[in-house]
């Protein structure tokens, strides 16, 4: 089951930097160029706070944004969920989490 958008965004943001501002995820710039572009260009939807702005028209250049960052967000939310997701998993057997996974270097 996929986490709510808010939990996915919180997990992603929490994983990018630790509380002291040190990076916790390395995104390979040549293997993940679309993810880098997403992280620079994607914005939150002003009409629907907490959700990412989506475009449905294929002729709009922004149409191709959010796909890579959504995928990375689902990976991070699965590997390192926020506290509300961990509470749901309490008592269930969990697989071992691998620290410092490099996005774009998972082959």
Foldseek 3Di string as FASTA:
>chain_A
DFDPLLQLVVLVVCQQAPPVGHGFEAEDCVLPVLLVVQVVPWDCDPVDPSHTDADDDPVDPCNSHDPSVVVVSRVSCLQPTDPVVVVVCPPPDDDDHDGHDYPSPPD
